[in-house]
Amino acid sequence: MSERTPPTATFEQLLTDLESVVDRLGAEDLELDEALSLFERGVACLRDAGRLLDAAEGRVEELIESAGGDLEAIGFEAPVREEADGTGTP
């Protein structure tokens, strides 16, 4: 497992790296220094993944075509995931 995610990592690579961080954080034999380092790495993966999602959202907004055939920038709203209680709040 690499110490740092490459700066050109794909969204999928970031998710894979984050999953390995979470798995390792769940280990019982983890020392505090390693846990803090893994946590920092996980936060970096989340930030990088968020930037990639923001960029993808911007591209989607630019490419949505209006009914008249012109490209029109419109807001992109991610679907709300409903929780078990049905409120739609996380």
C-alpha atoms as a PDB file:
ATOM      1  CA  MET A   1       0.000   0.000   0.000  1.00  0.00           C
ATOM      2  CA  SER A   2       1.593   3.289  -1.064  1.00  0.00           C
ATOM      3  CA  GLU A   3       2.089   6.101   1.432  1.00  0.00           C
ATOM      4  CA  ARG A   4       0.679   8.804  -0.838  1.00  0.00           C
ATOM      5  CA  THR A   5      -1.852   8.759  -3.642  1.00  0.00           C
ATOM      6  CA  PRO A   6      -0.349   9.910  -6.950  1.00  0.00           C
ATOM      7  CA  PRO A   7      -1.416  13.458  -7.880  1.00  0.00           C
ATOM      8  CA  THR A   8      -2.911  12.152 -11.143  1.00  0.00           C
ATOM      9  CA  ALA A   9      -4.979   9.449  -9.456  1.00  0.00           C
ATOM     10  CA  THR A  10      -8.366   8.663 -10.939  1.00  0.00           C
ATOM     11  CA  PHE A  11     -11.564   8.785  -8.918  1.00  0.00           C
ATOM     12  CA  GLU A  12     -11.608   4.988  -8.865  1.00  0.00           C
ATOM     13  CA  GLN A  13      -7.999   4.843  -7.614  1.00  0.00           C
ATOM     14  CA  LEU A  14      -8.841   7.306  -4.867  1.00  0.00           C
ATOM     15  CA  LEU A  15     -11.804   5.180  -3.760  1.00  0.00           C
ATOM     16  CA  THR A  16      -9.659   2.049  -3.760  1.00  0.00           C
ATOM     17  CA  ASP A  17      -6.990   3.814  -1.715  1.00  0.00           C
ATOM     18  CA  LEU A  18      -9.611   5.132   0.694  1.00  0.00           C
ATOM     19  CA  GLU A  19     -11.039   1.626   1.132  1.00  0.00           C
ATOM     20  CA  SER A  20      -7.580   0.284   1.994  1.00  0.00           C
ATOM     21  CA  VAL A  21      -7.120   3.114   4.517  1.00  0.00           C
ATOM     22  CA  VAL A  22     -10.464   2.302   6.149  1.00  0.00           C
ATOM     23  CA  ASP A  23      -9.618  -1.424   6.263  1.00  0.00           C
ATOM     24  CA  ARG A  24      -6.257  -0.708   7.870  1.00  0.00           C
ATOM     25  CA  LEU A  25      -7.807   1.708  10.386  1.00  0.00           C
ATOM     26  CA  GLY A  26     -10.058  -1.146  11.486  1.00  0.00           C
ATOM     27  CA  ALA A  27      -7.075  -3.309  12.460  1.00  0.00           C
ATOM     28  CA  GLU A  28      -6.594  -4.010  16.146  1.00  0.00           C
ATOM     29  CA  ASP A  29      -2.791  -3.870  16.014  1.00  0.00           C
ATOM     30  CA  LEU A  30      -2.621  -0.277  14.797  1.00  0.00           C
ATOM     31  CA  GLU A  31      -0.384   2.165  16.644  1.00  0.00           C
ATOM     32  CA  LEU A  32      -1.448   5.766  17.181  1.00  0.00           C
ATOM     33  CA  ASP A  33       1.146   7.288  14.840  1.00  0.00           C
ATOM     34  CA  GLU A  34       0.142   4.972  12.004  1.00  0.00           C
ATOM     35  CA  ALA A  35      -3.555   5.617  12.658  1.00  0.00           C
ATOM     36  CA  LEU A  36      -3.014   9.379  12.451  1.00  0.00           C
ATOM     37  CA  SER A  37      -1.004   9.002   9.245  1.00  0.00           C
ATOM     38  CA  LEU A  38      -3.701   6.808   7.711  1.00  0.00           C
ATOM     39  CA  PHE A  39      -6.422   9.249   8.782  1.00  0.00           C
ATOM     40  CA  GLU A  40      -4.529  12.120   7.149  1.00  0.00           C
ATOM     41  CA  ARG A  41      -4.159  10.066   3.968  1.00  0.00           C
ATOM     42  CA  GLY A  42      -7.863   9.244   3.981  1.00  0.00           C
ATOM     43  CA  VAL A  43      -8.789  12.911   4.317  1.00  0.00           C
ATOM     44  CA  ALA A  44      -6.485  13.734   1.380  1.00  0.00           C
ATOM     45  CA  CYS A  45      -8.197  11.038  -0.717  1.00  0.00           C
ATOM     46  CA  LEU A  46     -11.605  12.494   0.140  1.00  0.00           C
ATOM     47  CA  ARG A  47     -10.509  16.017  -0.800  1.00  0.00           C
ATOM     48  CA  ASP A  48      -9.002  14.851  -4.094  1.00  0.00           C
ATOM     49  CA  ALA A  49     -12.093  12.787  -4.911  1.00  0.00           C
ATOM     50  CA  GLY A  50     -14.280  15.812  -4.109  1.00  0.00           C
ATOM     51  CA  ARG A  51     -12.264  17.968  -6.510  1.00  0.00           C
ATOM     52  CA  LEU A  52     -12.666  15.361  -9.251  1.00  0.00           C
ATOM     53  CA  LEU A  53     -16.424  15.216  -8.625  1.00  0.00           C
ATOM     54  CA  ASP A  54     -16.653  19.012  -8.742  1.00  0.00           C
ATOM     55  CA  ALA A  55     -14.798  19.025 -12.064  1.00  0.00           C
ATOM     56  CA  ALA A  56     -17.075  16.310 -13.451  1.00  0.00           C
ATOM     57  CA  GLU A  57     -20.125  18.258 -12.295  1.00  0.00           C
ATOM     58  CA  GLY A  58     -18.867  21.326 -14.132  1.00  0.00           C
ATOM     59  CA  ARG A  59     -18.374  19.312 -17.310  1.00  0.00           C
ATOM     60  CA  VAL A  60     -21.892  17.869 -17.042  1.00  0.00           C
ATOM     61  CA  GLU A  61     -23.354  21.333 -16.590  1.00  0.00           C
ATOM     62  CA  GLU A  62     -21.527  22.531 -19.707  1.00  0.00           C
ATOM     63  CA  LEU A  63     -22.670  19.604 -21.831  1.00  0.00           C
ATOM     64  CA  ILE A  64     -26.358  19.379 -21.028  1.00  0.00           C
ATOM     65  CA  GLU A  65     -28.228  20.177 -24.186  1.00  0.00           C
ATOM     66  CA  SER A  66     -31.397  22.197 -24.202  1.00  0.00           C
ATOM     67  CA  ALA A  67     -34.445  21.183 -26.246  1.00  0.00           C
ATOM     68  CA  GLY A  68     -33.484  23.656 -29.003  1.00  0.00           C
ATOM     69  CA  GLY A  69     -30.142  21.945 -29.583  1.00  0.00           C
ATOM     70  CA  ASP A  70     -28.087  24.633 -27.882  1.00  0.00           C
ATOM     71  CA  LEU A  71     -25.789  23.760 -25.032  1.00  0.00           C
ATOM     72  CA  GLU A  72     -27.035  25.309 -21.858  1.00  0.00           C
ATOM     73  CA  ALA A  73     -25.322  25.394 -18.488  1.00  0.00           C
ATOM     74  CA  ILE A  74     -27.758  24.314 -15.803  1.00  0.00           C
ATOM     75  CA  GLY A  75     -27.212  23.357 -12.219  1.00  0.00           C
ATOM     76  CA  PHE A  76     -26.514  19.757 -11.365  1.00  0.00           C
ATOM     77  CA  GLU A  77     -28.174  18.389  -8.266  1.00  0.00           C
ATOM     78  CA  ALA A  78     -27.028  15.034  -6.927  1.00  0.00           C
ATOM     79  CA  PRO A  79     -29.930  12.770  -5.983  1.00  0.00           C
ATOM     80  CA  VAL A  80     -30.769  12.664  -2.285  1.00  0.00           C
ATOM     81  CA  ARG A  81     -30.233   9.251  -0.755  1.00  0.00           C
ATOM     82  CA  GLU A  82     -33.043   8.284   1.546  1.00  0.00           C
ATOM     83  CA  GLU A  83     -32.007   6.786   4.839  1.00  0.00           C
ATOM     84  CA  ALA A  84     -33.787   3.935   6.565  1.00  0.00           C
ATOM     85  CA  ASP A  85     -36.100   6.362   8.348  1.00  0.00           C
ATOM     86  CA  GLY A  86     -37.215   7.808   4.991  1.00  0.00           C
ATOM     87  CA  THR A  87     -36.323  11.406   5.817  1.00  0.00           C
ATOM     88  CA  GLY A  88     -33.655  11.773   3.148  1.00  0.00           C
ATOM     89  CA  THR A  89     -31.231  13.218   5.677  1.00  0.00           C
ATOM     90  CA  PRO A  90     -27.836  11.603   6.255  1.00  0.00           C
END
